[in-house]
Amino acid sequence: MAKAEPQDPISFEGVEIPPGGCATVQIPLPHLYSHSEINMPVHVIHGTRPGPRLFVSGAIHGDELNGVEIIRRVLQLPAMGRIRGTLVAVPVVNVFGFHAQSRYLPDRRDLNRMFPGSAKGSLAGRLADLFLTRVVARCTHGIDLHTGSLGRDNFPQIRCQLSMNPEIEAMARAFGAPVILDANLREGSLRHVSAKAYGIPVVVYEAGEALRFDPVSIRAGVRGVVSVMRAIGLLAPTRPKKKVWAPHVAHSSTWVRAPSGGIHRDLVRMGDQVTKGQVLGEIGDPLGEETAQVTASVSGIVIGRSNLPLVHEGDALFHIARFEGPDEEAAETVDAFQDRFEMG
């Protein structure tokens, strides 16, 4: 068998990285108002042989920390020295929000609604343009790591539009999260622009809550990123193993909202199977004189919830995914997933 030709060196932000090499480069960002310099760190691992170019991004929302830790752990794995192609790891995209422990940028804009951005636009628009043109456009595949927003928790799930590209479905299933939410593209998001403007398949991993590390979500995320790397050929495949579970696809989901304001008490857990009409929680006043029940409007699996006990009428409390097949099968998948990753 002929030996594969080595791939060419890659130049990234003026730094030339040879085959088999790696480097951390800095993408300069607009100065702070103190005129302090600020940069977006990017770690590039360039394999010895040609292959795909995968970007893995975290903290597009600056307070979503699980992705930062997932990327840190992935980069420490010995397998990263054996990649075919190039891995572009960006643990903190929204550096401004990360330093402020905020979802948003200083201009109060949501970076994941600003793509493709503009080099002459707002601060958020300029950051979106920089990340898209300097990182994403140079890659062939992408994984974007997210958590729920502040006070909201997400059960580990992949979000993508399965009909966009066969590679997207392959990546989503390879990741191995128990739930795939077949979600339409949202205009202004990284996933939307990557697919529409560049034809790059990108999946989004949602797991955990903002400003907190969730061990189960992190362990599952590390495994998922590596599994996708093997599926697209960035890493050599391993021997097929008997799967403990296969992801279940939800084609729709709905939020159950608070029927009144007050103090909310959960009666179900993340990942629980629920049926239409089931009582999910109770809302009462501080004296316990009045109580309102929160009931499920549909049957399915709880894939998200609010962790804040103080609620206003209309607040979103429980996110329920609905499946085409029996909910019991999805519930069994969730149980197997929890058994695997809660044990470490």
Protein backbone atom coordinates (compact mmCIF):
# COMPACT_ATOMS: atom_id res chain seq x y z
CA MET A 1 0.00 0.00 0.00
CA ALA A 2 1.37 3.38 -0.99
CA LYS A 3 2.13 5.70 1.86
CA ALA A 4 -0.21 8.71 2.07
CA GLU A 5 1.35 12.00 1.07
CA PRO A 6 1.81 14.46 3.94
CA GLN A 7 -0.39 17.51 3.88
CA ASP A 8 0.99 20.96 3.28
CA PRO A 9 1.77 23.37 6.11
CA ILE A 10 -1.07 25.67 7.12
CA SER A 11 -0.75 29.37 7.83
CA PHE A 12 -3.01 30.69 10.53
CA GLU A 13 -2.97 34.35 11.58
CA GLY A 14 0.55 34.70 10.20
CA VAL A 15 1.84 31.58 12.01
CA GLU A 16 2.93 28.71 9.77
CA ILE A 17 2.15 25.31 11.27
CA PRO A 18 3.92 22.31 9.72
CA PRO A 19 2.34 18.87 9.28
CA GLY A 20 2.29 17.20 12.69
CA GLY A 21 2.60 20.55 14.44
CA CYS A 22 0.34 22.65 16.63
CA ALA A 23 0.20 26.26 17.74
CA THR A 24 -1.93 28.66 19.74
CA VAL A 25 -2.58 31.82 17.77
CA GLN A 26 -4.31 35.02 18.79
CA ILE A 27 -6.96 36.79 16.70
CA PRO A 28 -6.86 40.50 17.68
CA LEU A 29 -10.24 41.92 18.71
CA PRO A 30 -11.34 45.54 19.11
CA HIS A 31 -9.64 47.17 22.09
CA LEU A 32 -11.45 47.66 25.37
CA TYR A 33 -12.36 51.23 26.21
CA SER A 34 -9.34 51.28 28.52
CA HIS A 35 -7.36 50.68 25.29
CA SER A 36 -6.26 47.31 26.66
CA GLU A 37 -5.60 44.72 23.98
CA ILE A 38 -7.88 41.70 23.82
CA ASN A 39 -7.55 38.58 21.67
CA MET A 40 -9.47 35.44 20.78
CA PRO A 41 -7.21 32.41 21.44
CA VAL A 42 -7.32 29.67 18.81
CA HIS A 43 -5.48 26.35 19.12
CA VAL A 44 -4.66 24.64 15.82
CA ILE A 45 -3.55 21.02 15.55
CA HIS A 46 -2.35 20.21 12.03
CA GLY A 47 -2.10 16.48 11.30
CA THR A 48 0.58 14.87 9.22
CA ARG A 49 -1.89 13.57 6.64
CA PRO A 50 -4.68 15.33 4.72
CA GLY A 51 -8.20 15.20 6.05
CA PRO A 52 -11.13 17.36 7.10
CA ARG A 53 -10.82 20.64 8.97
CA LEU A 54 -13.05 20.74 12.02
CA PHE A 55 -13.70 23.77 14.20
CA VAL A 56 -14.98 23.26 17.74
CA SER A 57 -16.25 26.43 19.36
CA GLY A 58 -17.31 27.31 22.89
CA ALA A 59 -18.65 30.35 24.74
CA ILE A 60 -20.30 32.10 21.81
CA HIS A 61 -22.46 33.11 24.74
CA GLY A 62 -19.86 34.29 27.23
CA ASP A 63 -21.42 32.69 30.31
CA GLU A 64 -21.74 29.19 28.81
CA LEU A 65 -18.78 27.40 30.35
CA ASN A 66 -19.24 23.67 29.73
CA GLY A 67 -17.92 24.02 26.18
CA VAL A 68 -14.74 25.69 27.43
CA GLU A 69 -14.00 22.71 29.66
CA ILE A 70 -14.97 20.18 26.98
CA ILE A 71 -12.47 21.71 24.56
CA ARG A 72 -9.76 21.84 27.24
CA ARG A 73 -10.20 18.12 27.94
CA VAL A 74 -10.31 17.18 24.24
CA LEU A 75 -7.01 18.98 23.62
CA GLN A 76 -5.38 16.97 26.42
CA LEU A 77 -6.25 13.60 24.86
CA PRO A 78 -3.31 11.58 23.44
CA ALA A 79 -5.39 10.89 20.31
CA MET A 80 -4.98 14.54 19.26
CA GLY A 81 -1.45 13.66 18.17
CA ARG A 82 -2.85 11.27 15.55
CA ILE A 83 -5.35 13.39 13.66
CA ARG A 84 -5.71 13.42 9.88
CA GLY A 85 -6.50 16.91 8.75
CA THR A 86 -6.79 19.91 11.05
CA LEU A 87 -8.54 20.65 14.33
CA VAL A 88 -9.28 24.32 15.05
CA ALA A 89 -10.31 24.70 18.71
CA VAL A 90 -11.78 28.00 19.90
CA PRO A 91 -12.76 27.58 23.56
CA VAL A 92 -13.89 31.20 24.03
CA VAL A 93 -15.40 33.00 21.04
CA ASN A 94 -17.16 35.78 22.96
CA VAL A 95 -14.14 36.90 24.95
CA PHE A 96 -15.87 40.12 26.02
CA GLY A 97 -18.84 38.28 27.55
CA PHE A 98 -16.57 35.62 29.06
CA HIS A 99 -14.62 38.21 31.05
CA ALA A 100 -17.86 39.84 32.21
CA GLN A 101 -19.50 36.44 32.95
CA SER A 102 -22.30 37.57 30.65
CA ARG A 103 -24.20 35.94 27.81
CA TYR A 104 -23.96 39.14 25.80
CA LEU A 105 -21.37 41.53 24.46
CA PRO A 106 -20.84 44.99 26.00
CA ASP A 107 -23.30 46.40 23.44
CA ARG A 108 -25.96 44.02 24.89
CA ARG A 109 -26.23 42.07 21.64
CA ASP A 110 -26.45 38.28 21.37
CA LEU A 111 -23.53 37.14 19.21
CA ASN A 112 -25.46 34.09 17.99
CA ARG A 113 -28.04 36.36 16.35
CA MET A 114 -25.47 38.57 14.62
CA PHE A 115 -23.94 36.31 11.96
CA PRO A 116 -22.62 36.93 9.34
CA GLY A 117 -21.80 40.26 10.95
CA SER A 118 -19.89 43.08 9.34
CA ALA A 119 -16.35 44.38 9.53
CA LYS A 120 -17.82 47.90 9.82
CA GLY A 121 -20.81 47.07 12.04
CA SER A 122 -21.45 47.03 15.77
CA LEU A 123 -19.03 45.38 18.20
CA ALA A 124 -21.07 42.18 18.03
CA GLY A 125 -21.21 42.39 14.25
CA ARG A 126 -17.45 42.83 14.01
CA LEU A 127 -16.78 39.87 16.32
CA ALA A 128 -19.19 37.71 14.28
CA ASP A 129 -17.43 38.71 11.06
CA LEU A 130 -13.98 38.00 12.51
CA PHE A 131 -14.89 34.53 13.74
CA LEU A 132 -16.76 33.61 10.58
CA THR A 133 -14.13 34.76 8.08
CA ARG A 134 -10.97 33.92 10.02
CA VAL A 135 -12.03 30.54 11.47
CA VAL A 136 -15.28 29.04 10.20
CA ALA A 137 -14.77 29.75 6.49
CA ARG A 138 -11.47 27.84 6.58
CA CYS A 139 -13.07 24.64 7.87
CA THR A 140 -15.12 21.80 6.40
CA HIS A 141 -17.13 20.80 9.52
CA GLY A 142 -18.08 22.37 12.84
CA ILE A 143 -19.29 21.61 16.36
CA ASP A 144 -20.69 24.51 18.38
CA LEU A 145 -20.94 23.93 22.15
CA HIS A 146 -23.67 25.59 24.22
CA THR A 147 -25.55 25.40 27.53
CA GLY A 148 -28.90 26.70 28.67
CA SER A 149 -29.09 30.37 29.54
CA LEU A 150 -28.75 31.73 33.07
CA GLY A 151 -31.14 29.89 35.36
CA ARG A 152 -32.08 27.35 32.68
CA ASP A 153 -30.76 23.82 32.36
CA ASN A 154 -30.60 21.71 29.18
CA PHE A 155 -30.52 17.93 29.09
CA PRO A 156 -27.67 16.82 26.77
CA GLN A 157 -28.96 17.10 23.21
CA ILE A 158 -27.85 17.81 19.66
CA ARG A 159 -29.66 20.51 17.69
CA CYS A 160 -29.49 20.51 13.90
CA GLN A 161 -31.68 20.50 10.81
CA LEU A 162 -31.40 16.93 9.59
CA SER A 163 -32.75 17.64 6.11
CA MET A 164 -30.00 20.19 5.33
CA ASN A 165 -27.19 17.78 4.61
CA PRO A 166 -26.61 14.00 5.02
CA GLU A 167 -23.35 14.80 6.80
CA ILE A 168 -25.23 16.75 9.45
CA GLU A 169 -27.33 13.74 10.38
CA ALA A 170 -24.25 11.49 10.41
CA MET A 171 -22.45 13.90 12.74
CA ALA A 172 -25.52 14.27 14.97
CA ARG A 173 -25.93 10.53 15.39
CA ALA A 174 -22.20 9.98 15.87
CA PHE A 175 -22.09 12.49 18.73
CA GLY A 176 -24.13 10.08 20.83
CA ALA A 177 -26.33 12.47 22.81
CA PRO A 178 -29.57 10.72 23.81
CA VAL A 179 -31.77 13.29 22.04
CA ILE A 180 -31.46 14.94 18.62
CA LEU A 181 -33.75 17.94 18.29
CA ASP A 182 -34.49 18.40 14.58
CA ALA A 183 -34.62 22.20 14.74
CA ASN A 184 -35.03 24.68 11.93
CA LEU A 185 -32.19 27.09 11.26
CA ARG A 186 -32.49 30.37 13.14
CA GLU A 187 -31.53 33.42 11.13
CA GLY A 188 -28.44 35.16 12.44
CA SER A 189 -27.08 32.05 14.16
CA LEU A 190 -23.69 30.51 13.42
CA ARG A 191 -25.40 27.29 12.36
CA HIS A 192 -27.60 29.15 9.86
CA VAL A 193 -24.81 31.12 8.19
CA SER A 194 -22.36 28.20 8.12
CA ALA A 195 -24.89 26.09 6.22
CA LYS A 196 -26.36 28.74 3.94
CA ALA A 197 -23.27 30.77 3.03
CA TYR A 198 -20.51 28.16 3.20
CA GLY A 199 -22.19 24.76 3.00
CA ILE A 200 -20.41 23.69 6.19
CA PRO A 201 -22.22 21.03 8.25
CA VAL A 202 -22.44 22.23 11.86
CA VAL A 203 -24.12 20.56 14.84
CA VAL A 204 -24.90 22.28 18.13
CA TYR A 205 -24.45 20.48 21.45
CA GLU A 206 -26.67 21.89 24.21
CA ALA A 207 -26.11 20.68 27.76
CA GLY A 208 -26.14 22.12 31.26
CA GLU A 209 -26.62 25.62 32.61
CA ALA A 210 -24.78 28.92 32.22
CA LEU A 211 -21.97 29.78 34.69
CA ARG A 212 -21.79 26.20 35.99
CA PHE A 213 -19.80 23.08 35.18
CA ASP A 214 -22.01 20.01 34.79
CA PRO A 215 -19.87 16.82 35.02
CA VAL A 216 -22.30 14.61 33.08
CA SER A 217 -22.67 17.14 30.27
CA ILE A 218 -18.90 17.64 30.07
CA ARG A 219 -18.03 13.95 30.00
CA ALA A 220 -20.67 13.30 27.35
CA GLY A 221 -19.45 16.30 25.37
CA VAL A 222 -15.83 15.10 25.29
CA ARG A 223 -16.94 11.67 24.13
CA GLY A 224 -19.24 13.23 21.55
CA VAL A 225 -16.61 15.50 20.01
CA VAL A 226 -14.16 12.61 19.67
CA SER A 227 -16.88 10.38 18.18
CA VAL A 228 -17.63 13.01 15.53
CA MET A 229 -13.93 13.34 14.79
CA ARG A 230 -13.83 9.60 14.09
CA ALA A 231 -17.04 9.71 12.03
CA ILE A 232 -15.74 12.41 9.65
CA GLY A 233 -12.25 10.88 9.33
CA LEU A 234 -10.28 13.32 11.48
CA LEU A 235 -9.37 10.37 13.69
CA ALA A 236 -9.09 6.72 12.70
CA PRO A 237 -12.22 4.69 13.50
CA THR A 238 -12.16 2.29 16.41
CA ARG A 239 -13.50 -1.23 16.42
CA PRO A 240 -17.29 -1.19 16.34
CA LYS A 241 -18.79 -1.63 19.80
CA LYS A 242 -22.28 -2.67 20.73
CA LYS A 243 -24.16 0.56 21.28
CA VAL A 244 -25.75 1.00 24.67
CA TRP A 245 -28.24 3.44 23.09
CA ALA A 246 -29.07 5.11 19.81
CA PRO A 247 -30.17 8.75 19.76
CA HIS A 248 -33.87 9.47 19.39
CA VAL A 249 -34.98 12.25 17.07
CA ALA A 250 -37.53 14.80 18.24
CA HIS A 251 -39.11 16.73 15.38
CA SER A 252 -40.88 19.18 17.66
CA SER A 253 -40.77 20.52 21.21
CA THR A 254 -42.76 22.89 23.37
CA TRP A 255 -42.29 24.97 26.51
CA VAL A 256 -44.75 24.66 29.40
CA ARG A 257 -45.26 28.08 30.98
CA ALA A 258 -46.21 29.23 34.44
CA PRO A 259 -50.00 29.67 34.82
CA SER A 260 -49.42 32.23 37.59
CA GLY A 261 -46.61 33.98 39.45
CA GLY A 262 -45.15 32.76 42.73
CA ILE A 263 -42.66 30.25 44.12
CA HIS A 264 -42.21 27.20 41.90
CA ARG A 265 -41.42 23.67 43.09
CA ASP A 266 -40.40 20.99 40.56
CA LEU A 267 -42.02 17.56 40.69
CA VAL A 268 -40.14 16.00 37.74
CA ARG A 269 -36.48 15.77 36.82
CA MET A 270 -34.53 16.45 33.66
CA GLY A 271 -34.84 13.51 31.27
CA ASP A 272 -38.11 12.28 32.78
CA GLN A 273 -40.84 10.88 30.56
CA VAL A 274 -44.07 12.83 31.09
CA THR A 275 -47.62 12.48 29.77
CA LYS A 276 -50.11 15.12 28.71
CA GLY A 277 -51.94 16.45 31.75
CA GLN A 278 -49.30 15.25 34.22
CA VAL A 279 -48.49 17.64 37.08
CA LEU A 280 -44.92 18.85 36.54
CA GLY A 281 -44.69 21.38 39.35
CA GLU A 282 -46.57 23.56 41.78
CA ILE A 283 -46.57 27.34 42.20
CA GLY A 284 -47.55 28.84 45.53
CA ASP A 285 -47.35 32.06 47.48
CA PRO A 286 -44.85 32.52 50.36
CA LEU A 287 -47.53 31.74 52.97
CA GLY A 288 -48.74 28.58 51.26
CA GLU A 289 -52.31 29.86 51.04
CA GLU A 290 -52.69 29.44 47.27
CA THR A 291 -51.29 26.74 44.96
CA ALA A 292 -51.46 26.40 41.18
CA GLN A 293 -50.44 23.28 39.31
CA VAL A 294 -48.14 23.27 36.28
CA THR A 295 -49.36 20.56 33.90
CA ALA A 296 -47.82 19.09 30.77
CA SER A 297 -49.48 20.29 27.57
CA VAL A 298 -47.99 17.38 25.58
CA SER A 299 -46.39 14.00 26.21
CA GLY A 300 -42.65 13.53 25.78
CA ILE A 301 -39.29 13.86 27.53
CA VAL A 302 -38.19 16.84 29.65
CA ILE A 303 -35.10 18.22 27.88
CA GLY A 304 -34.95 21.63 29.55
CA ARG A 305 -36.22 23.46 32.59
CA SER A 306 -35.95 26.63 34.61
CA ASN A 307 -33.95 26.28 37.82
CA LEU A 308 -35.24 29.55 39.28
CA PRO A 309 -37.91 29.04 41.97
CA LEU A 310 -39.27 32.59 41.65
CA VAL A 311 -41.47 32.82 38.57
CA HIS A 312 -43.76 35.29 36.85
CA GLU A 313 -46.91 34.28 35.04
CA GLY A 314 -45.92 33.16 31.55
CA ASP A 315 -42.32 32.20 32.41
CA ALA A 316 -41.03 29.13 30.53
CA LEU A 317 -40.60 26.31 33.06
CA PHE A 318 -40.29 22.94 31.27
CA HIS A 319 -39.09 22.16 27.72
CA ILE A 320 -40.66 18.94 26.44
CA ALA A 321 -39.43 17.10 23.33
CA ARG A 322 -41.95 15.09 21.34
CA PHE A 323 -41.02 11.93 19.45
CA GLU A 324 -42.63 10.09 16.55
CA GLY A 325 -42.03 6.69 18.16
CA PRO A 326 -43.10 5.53 21.62
CA ASP A 327 -41.87 7.82 24.41
CA GLU A 328 -40.91 4.70 26.37
CA GLU A 329 -38.11 3.95 23.88
CA ALA A 330 -36.71 7.46 24.23
CA ALA A 331 -36.99 7.20 28.02
CA GLU A 332 -34.96 3.97 27.95
CA THR A 333 -32.27 5.74 25.91
CA VAL A 334 -32.18 8.58 28.44
CA ASP A 335 -31.85 6.10 31.32
CA ALA A 336 -28.98 4.28 29.59
CA PHE A 337 -27.23 7.59 28.92
CA GLN A 338 -27.56 8.69 32.55
CA ASP A 339 -26.28 5.35 33.84
CA ARG A 340 -23.23 5.63 31.59
CA PHE A 341 -22.18 9.20 32.31
CA GLU A 342 -23.29 9.69 35.90
CA MET A 343 -20.89 6.88 36.81
CA GLY A 344 -17.99 8.84 35.25
